[in-house]
Amino acid sequence: MSEAPRGGYDSRSGQDPQASDGRPAADADQDVPWIDGSQQAPGGDSYAWYRRGLDLLSRGSPAAAAELLERAAEAEPGARSIREALARAQFDAGRYAQAADNFRQNVEAIPSDDYAHFGLGLALARGGDPAAAAEHLALAAAMRPELSHYTEALRGVRATLAARTQAGARAPSPPAPDGDAPR
């Protein structure tokens, strides 16, 4: 998400999820990305898939990350951290509708999650719905006014809406259908 923290960095906590968290590191063999096209899931549990997905995302492979994170989300459907990482990977891979769906699930689970509103707003904007995007970006910016990238994204979407409104006001009226033209 170019407007948002990319890859493994999350601005909400100010911490890098790649940093040591006390859990054992994956085996060296597990560090090889799962991009061989096989339909078989890589070894490990959903936490290992999540960590490997974050690693792929931070290395600039969002499509591969999304594949792993989709598997992790299927195994742990209630895990918001997995769903957030999946949404970020989908966004970076240009799969905006899917990213919006996953961010929306996090918003519905915890309406006070500013980052979920922010991600949903960006995904909706990129997906072509700036009006809905503005609502979520405004909520995110109100929840965390100190985060300038939230307010910058909101400003950008509002500028898009204003430009579209102005362009619509200048656009000529569509021609009347044949046979209905005034005489």
C-alpha atoms as a PDB file:
ATOM      1  CA  MET A   1       0.000   0.000   0.000  1.00  0.00           C
ATOM      2  CA  SER A   2       1.976   2.940  -1.234  1.00  0.00           C
ATOM      3  CA  GLU A   3       0.071   5.384   0.950  1.00  0.00           C
ATOM      4  CA  ALA A   4       0.396   3.120   3.959  1.00  0.00           C
ATOM      5  CA  PRO A   5       3.135   1.269   5.711  1.00  0.00           C
ATOM      6  CA  ARG A   6       4.438  -1.329   3.266  1.00  0.00           C
ATOM      7  CA  GLY A   7       5.509  -4.843   3.883  1.00  0.00           C
ATOM      8  CA  GLY A   8       6.296  -5.733   7.452  1.00  0.00           C
ATOM      9  CA  TYR A   9       6.107  -2.320   9.144  1.00  0.00           C
ATOM     10  CA  ASP A  10       2.952  -1.313  10.977  1.00  0.00           C
ATOM     11  CA  SER A  11       2.640   2.346  11.987  1.00  0.00           C
ATOM     12  CA  ARG A  12       0.101   1.631  14.712  1.00  0.00           C
ATOM     13  CA  SER A  13       2.584   0.042  17.048  1.00  0.00           C
ATOM     14  CA  GLY A  14       5.748   1.675  15.753  1.00  0.00           C
ATOM     15  CA  GLN A  15       7.268  -1.798  15.750  1.00  0.00           C
ATOM     16  CA  ASP A  16       8.513  -4.081  13.033  1.00  0.00           C
ATOM     17  CA  PRO A  17       6.688  -7.436  13.201  1.00  0.00           C
ATOM     18  CA  GLN A  18       9.813  -9.015  11.725  1.00  0.00           C
ATOM     19  CA  ALA A  19      11.611  -8.256  15.001  1.00  0.00           C
ATOM     20  CA  SER A  20      12.077 -11.103  17.445  1.00  0.00           C
ATOM     21  CA  ASP A  21       8.970 -11.852  19.410  1.00  0.00           C
ATOM     22  CA  GLY A  22      10.273 -14.667  21.556  1.00  0.00           C
ATOM     23  CA  ARG A  23       8.919 -17.463  19.364  1.00  0.00           C
ATOM     24  CA  PRO A  24      11.363 -19.879  17.778  1.00  0.00           C
ATOM     25  CA  ALA A  25      12.634 -19.004  14.326  1.00  0.00           C
ATOM     26  CA  ALA A  26      11.540 -21.112  11.362  1.00  0.00           C
ATOM     27  CA  ASP A  27      13.871 -23.829  10.131  1.00  0.00           C
ATOM     28  CA  ALA A  28      16.312 -22.753   7.423  1.00  0.00           C
ATOM     29  CA  ASP A  29      14.473 -24.975   4.937  1.00  0.00           C
ATOM     30  CA  GLN A  30      11.266 -23.094   5.720  1.00  0.00           C
ATOM     31  CA  ASP A  31      12.789 -19.770   4.620  1.00  0.00           C
ATOM     32  CA  VAL A  32      12.479 -20.723   0.957  1.00  0.00           C
ATOM     33  CA  PRO A  33       9.403 -18.934  -0.406  1.00  0.00           C
ATOM     34  CA  TRP A  34       6.528 -21.107  -1.582  1.00  0.00           C
ATOM     35  CA  ILE A  35       6.190 -19.896  -5.162  1.00  0.00           C
ATOM     36  CA  ASP A  36       6.568 -23.133  -7.111  1.00  0.00           C
ATOM     37  CA  GLY A  37       2.947 -23.115  -8.256  1.00  0.00           C
ATOM     38  CA  SER A  38       2.072 -26.323  -6.420  1.00  0.00           C
ATOM     39  CA  GLN A  39      -1.303 -26.478  -4.751  1.00  0.00           C
ATOM     40  CA  GLN A  40       0.122 -28.138  -1.666  1.00  0.00           C
ATOM     41  CA  ALA A  41       0.440 -25.865   1.337  1.00  0.00           C
ATOM     42  CA  PRO A  42       3.925 -25.345   2.710  1.00  0.00           C
ATOM     43  CA  GLY A  43       4.923 -27.131   5.874  1.00  0.00           C
ATOM     44  CA  GLY A  44       4.161 -25.626   9.233  1.00  0.00           C
ATOM     45  CA  ASP A  45       1.142 -24.255  10.998  1.00  0.00           C
ATOM     46  CA  SER A  46      -0.875 -21.112  10.367  1.00  0.00           C
ATOM     47  CA  TYR A  47       1.565 -19.029  12.434  1.00  0.00           C
ATOM     48  CA  ALA A  48       4.461 -20.184  10.222  1.00  0.00           C
ATOM     49  CA  TRP A  49       2.423 -19.345   7.105  1.00  0.00           C
ATOM     50  CA  TYR A  50       1.642 -15.915   8.597  1.00  0.00           C
ATOM     51  CA  ARG A  51       5.318 -15.185   9.345  1.00  0.00           C
ATOM     52  CA  ARG A  52       6.424 -16.403   5.906  1.00  0.00           C
ATOM     53  CA  GLY A  53       3.654 -14.347   4.297  1.00  0.00           C
ATOM     54  CA  LEU A  54       4.847 -11.229   6.132  1.00  0.00           C
ATOM     55  CA  ASP A  55       8.394 -11.977   5.012  1.00  0.00           C
ATOM     56  CA  LEU A  56       7.314 -12.290   1.370  1.00  0.00           C
ATOM     57  CA  LEU A  57       5.302  -9.083   1.674  1.00  0.00           C
ATOM     58  CA  SER A  58       8.273  -7.204   3.103  1.00  0.00           C
ATOM     59  CA  ARG A  59      10.464  -8.540   0.281  1.00  0.00           C
ATOM     60  CA  GLY A  60       8.123  -7.179  -2.382  1.00  0.00           C
ATOM     61  CA  SER A  61       6.242 -10.368  -3.327  1.00  0.00           C
ATOM     62  CA  PRO A  62       2.649  -9.484  -2.452  1.00  0.00           C
ATOM     63  CA  ALA A  63       1.001 -12.096  -4.708  1.00  0.00           C
ATOM     64  CA  ALA A  64       3.036 -14.919  -3.174  1.00  0.00           C
ATOM     65  CA  ALA A  65       2.384 -13.490   0.296  1.00  0.00           C
ATOM     66  CA  ALA A  66      -1.351 -13.417  -0.405  1.00  0.00           C
ATOM     67  CA  GLU A  67      -1.308 -17.114  -1.359  1.00  0.00           C
ATOM     68  CA  LEU A  68       0.253 -18.087   1.967  1.00  0.00           C
ATOM     69  CA  LEU A  69      -1.873 -15.695   3.966  1.00  0.00           C
ATOM     70  CA  GLU A  70      -5.066 -16.990   2.311  1.00  0.00           C
ATOM     71  CA  ARG A  71      -4.169 -20.458   3.590  1.00  0.00           C
ATOM     72  CA  ALA A  72      -3.483 -19.061   7.055  1.00  0.00           C
ATOM     73  CA  ALA A  73      -6.811 -17.164   7.029  1.00  0.00           C
ATOM     74  CA  GLU A  74      -8.668 -20.351   6.040  1.00  0.00           C
ATOM     75  CA  ALA A  75      -7.048 -22.177   8.955  1.00  0.00           C
ATOM     76  CA  GLU A  76      -7.655 -19.302  11.412  1.00  0.00           C
ATOM     77  CA  PRO A  77     -10.743 -17.396  10.163  1.00  0.00           C
ATOM     78  CA  GLY A  78     -11.036 -15.300  13.320  1.00  0.00           C
ATOM     79  CA  ALA A  79      -7.420 -14.106  13.395  1.00  0.00           C
ATOM     80  CA  ARG A  80      -7.549 -10.396  12.635  1.00  0.00           C
ATOM     81  CA  SER A  81      -3.762 -10.073  12.322  1.00  0.00           C
ATOM     82  CA  ILE A  82      -3.731 -12.691   9.564  1.00  0.00           C
ATOM     83  CA  ARG A  83      -6.670 -11.041   7.818  1.00  0.00           C
ATOM     84  CA  GLU A  84      -4.960  -7.627   8.019  1.00  0.00           C
ATOM     85  CA  ALA A  85      -1.726  -8.999   6.555  1.00  0.00           C
ATOM     86  CA  LEU A  86      -3.740 -10.726   3.822  1.00  0.00           C
ATOM     87  CA  ALA A  87      -5.558  -7.487   3.006  1.00  0.00           C
ATOM     88  CA  ARG A  88      -2.245  -5.613   2.805  1.00  0.00           C
ATOM     89  CA  ALA A  89      -0.817  -8.265   0.467  1.00  0.00           C
ATOM     90  CA  GLN A  90      -3.934  -8.189  -1.710  1.00  0.00           C
ATOM     91  CA  PHE A  91      -3.793  -4.396  -1.865  1.00  0.00           C
ATOM     92  CA  ASP A  92      -0.126  -4.419  -2.885  1.00  0.00           C
ATOM     93  CA  ALA A  93      -0.938  -7.063  -5.517  1.00  0.00           C
ATOM     94  CA  GLY A  94      -3.646  -4.807  -6.985  1.00  0.00           C
ATOM     95  CA  ARG A  95      -6.531  -6.983  -5.768  1.00  0.00           C
ATOM     96  CA  TYR A  96      -8.441  -4.041  -4.310  1.00  0.00           C
ATOM     97  CA  ALA A  97     -11.910  -5.606  -3.992  1.00  0.00           C
ATOM     98  CA  GLN A  98     -10.505  -8.576  -2.069  1.00  0.00           C
ATOM     99  CA  ALA A  99      -8.413  -6.276   0.109  1.00  0.00           C
ATOM    100  CA  ALA A 100     -11.499  -4.187   0.862  1.00  0.00           C
ATOM    101  CA  ASP A 101     -13.450  -7.304   1.850  1.00  0.00           C
ATOM    102  CA  ASN A 102     -10.749  -8.373   4.307  1.00  0.00           C
ATOM    103  CA  PHE A 103     -10.289  -4.898   5.785  1.00  0.00           C
ATOM    104  CA  ARG A 104     -14.093  -4.649   6.065  1.00  0.00           C
ATOM    105  CA  GLN A 105     -14.203  -7.867   8.105  1.00  0.00           C
ATOM    106  CA  ASN A 106     -11.730  -6.338  10.554  1.00  0.00           C
ATOM    107  CA  VAL A 107     -13.769  -3.110  10.716  1.00  0.00           C
ATOM    108  CA  GLU A 108     -16.896  -5.132  11.466  1.00  0.00           C
ATOM    109  CA  ALA A 109     -15.088  -7.136  14.155  1.00  0.00           C
ATOM    110  CA  ILE A 110     -13.621  -4.046  15.851  1.00  0.00           C
ATOM    111  CA  PRO A 111     -15.137  -0.749  14.651  1.00  0.00           C
ATOM    112  CA  SER A 112     -12.504   1.248  16.575  1.00  0.00           C
ATOM    113  CA  ASP A 113      -9.609  -0.251  14.539  1.00  0.00           C
ATOM    114  CA  ASP A 114      -8.244   2.862  12.848  1.00  0.00           C
ATOM    115  CA  TYR A 115      -5.860   0.929  10.591  1.00  0.00           C
ATOM    116  CA  ALA A 116      -8.682  -1.295   9.300  1.00  0.00           C
ATOM    117  CA  HIS A 117     -10.676   1.835   8.398  1.00  0.00           C
ATOM    118  CA  PHE A 118      -7.593   3.321   6.744  1.00  0.00           C
ATOM    119  CA  GLY A 119      -6.882   0.191   4.707  1.00  0.00           C
ATOM    120  CA  LEU A 120     -10.533  -0.165   3.743  1.00  0.00           C
ATOM    121  CA  GLY A 121     -10.626   3.474   2.655  1.00  0.00           C
ATOM    122  CA  LEU A 122      -7.531   3.084   0.479  1.00  0.00           C
ATOM    123  CA  ALA A 123      -8.806  -0.142  -1.070  1.00  0.00           C
ATOM    124  CA  LEU A 124     -12.189   1.424  -1.844  1.00  0.00           C
ATOM    125  CA  ALA A 125     -10.493   4.479  -3.361  1.00  0.00           C
ATOM    126  CA  ARG A 126      -8.290   2.338  -5.599  1.00  0.00           C
ATOM    127  CA  GLY A 127     -11.306   0.211  -6.448  1.00  0.00           C
ATOM    128  CA  GLY A 128     -13.164   3.257  -7.758  1.00  0.00           C
ATOM    129  CA  ASP A 129     -15.472   4.183  -4.868  1.00  0.00           C
ATOM    130  CA  PRO A 130     -14.057   7.440  -3.467  1.00  0.00           C
ATOM    131  CA  ALA A 131     -17.287   8.374  -1.670  1.00  0.00           C
ATOM    132  CA  ALA A 132     -17.231   5.231   0.480  1.00  0.00           C
ATOM    133  CA  ALA A 133     -13.460   5.591   0.820  1.00  0.00           C
ATOM    134  CA  ALA A 134     -13.829   9.116   2.228  1.00  0.00           C
ATOM    135  CA  GLU A 135     -16.088   7.853   5.025  1.00  0.00           C
ATOM    136  CA  HIS A 136     -13.564   5.298   6.256  1.00  0.00           C
ATOM    137  CA  LEU A 137     -10.561   7.561   5.790  1.00  0.00           C
ATOM    138  CA  ALA A 138     -12.337  10.306   7.748  1.00  0.00           C
ATOM    139  CA  LEU A 139     -12.975   7.874  10.604  1.00  0.00           C
ATOM    140  CA  ALA A 140      -9.338   6.735  10.591  1.00  0.00           C
ATOM    141  CA  ALA A 141      -8.072  10.331  10.553  1.00  0.00           C
ATOM    142  CA  ALA A 142     -10.425  11.290  13.395  1.00  0.00           C
ATOM    143  CA  MET A 143      -9.251   8.329  15.480  1.00  0.00           C
ATOM    144  CA  ARG A 144      -5.550   9.020  14.888  1.00  0.00           C
ATOM    145  CA  PRO A 145      -5.104  12.667  13.844  1.00  0.00           C
ATOM    146  CA  GLU A 146      -1.361  12.497  14.561  1.00  0.00           C
ATOM    147  CA  LEU A 147      -0.842  10.104  11.611  1.00  0.00           C
ATOM    148  CA  SER A 148      -0.255  12.389   8.649  1.00  0.00           C
ATOM    149  CA  HIS A 149      -0.624   9.613   6.067  1.00  0.00           C
ATOM    150  CA  TYR A 150      -4.236   9.156   7.214  1.00  0.00           C
ATOM    151  CA  THR A 151      -5.090  12.837   6.693  1.00  0.00           C
ATOM    152  CA  GLU A 152      -3.126  12.991   3.409  1.00  0.00           C
ATOM    153  CA  ALA A 153      -5.066  10.025   2.025  1.00  0.00           C
ATOM    154  CA  LEU A 154      -8.344  11.647   3.097  1.00  0.00           C
ATOM    155  CA  ARG A 155      -7.345  14.917   1.434  1.00  0.00           C
ATOM    156  CA  GLY A 156      -6.535  13.078  -1.790  1.00  0.00           C
ATOM    157  CA  VAL A 157      -9.880  11.256  -1.885  1.00  0.00           C
ATOM    158  CA  ARG A 158     -11.787  14.452  -1.116  1.00  0.00           C
ATOM    159  CA  ALA A 159      -9.909  16.201  -3.949  1.00  0.00           C
ATOM    160  CA  THR A 160     -10.932  13.376  -6.292  1.00  0.00           C
ATOM    161  CA  LEU A 161     -14.563  13.755  -5.237  1.00  0.00           C
ATOM    162  CA  ALA A 162     -14.435  17.529  -5.707  1.00  0.00           C
ATOM    163  CA  ALA A 163     -12.855  17.181  -9.161  1.00  0.00           C
ATOM    164  CA  ARG A 164     -15.489  14.661 -10.215  1.00  0.00           C
ATOM    165  CA  THR A 165     -18.277  16.899  -8.947  1.00  0.00           C
ATOM    166  CA  GLN A 166     -16.827  19.890 -10.764  1.00  0.00           C
ATOM    167  CA  ALA A 167     -16.336  17.894 -13.974  1.00  0.00           C
ATOM    168  CA  GLY A 168     -19.904  16.618 -13.752  1.00  0.00           C
ATOM    169  CA  ALA A 169     -21.252  20.164 -13.426  1.00  0.00           C
ATOM    170  CA  ARG A 170     -19.430  21.215 -16.608  1.00  0.00           C
ATOM    171  CA  ALA A 171     -20.346  18.149 -18.630  1.00  0.00           C
ATOM    172  CA  PRO A 172     -22.945  18.748 -21.342  1.00  0.00           C
ATOM    173  CA  SER A 173     -26.313  17.110 -20.959  1.00  0.00           C
ATOM    174  CA  PRO A 174     -26.600  13.821 -22.798  1.00  0.00           C
ATOM    175  CA  PRO A 175     -28.466  14.011 -26.111  1.00  0.00           C
ATOM    176  CA  ALA A 176     -32.084  13.003 -26.115  1.00  0.00           C
ATOM    177  CA  PRO A 177     -32.844   9.546 -27.504  1.00  0.00           C
ATOM    178  CA  ASP A 178     -33.961   9.428 -31.159  1.00  0.00           C
ATOM    179  CA  GLY A 179     -37.532  10.398 -31.606  1.00  0.00           C
ATOM    180  CA  ASP A 180     -37.698  12.362 -28.358  1.00  0.00           C
ATOM    181  CA  ALA A 181     -35.891  15.468 -29.584  1.00  0.00           C
ATOM    182  CA  PRO A 182     -37.860  18.689 -29.137  1.00  0.00           C
ATOM    183  CA  ARG A 183     -39.162  20.246 -32.356  1.00  0.00           C
END
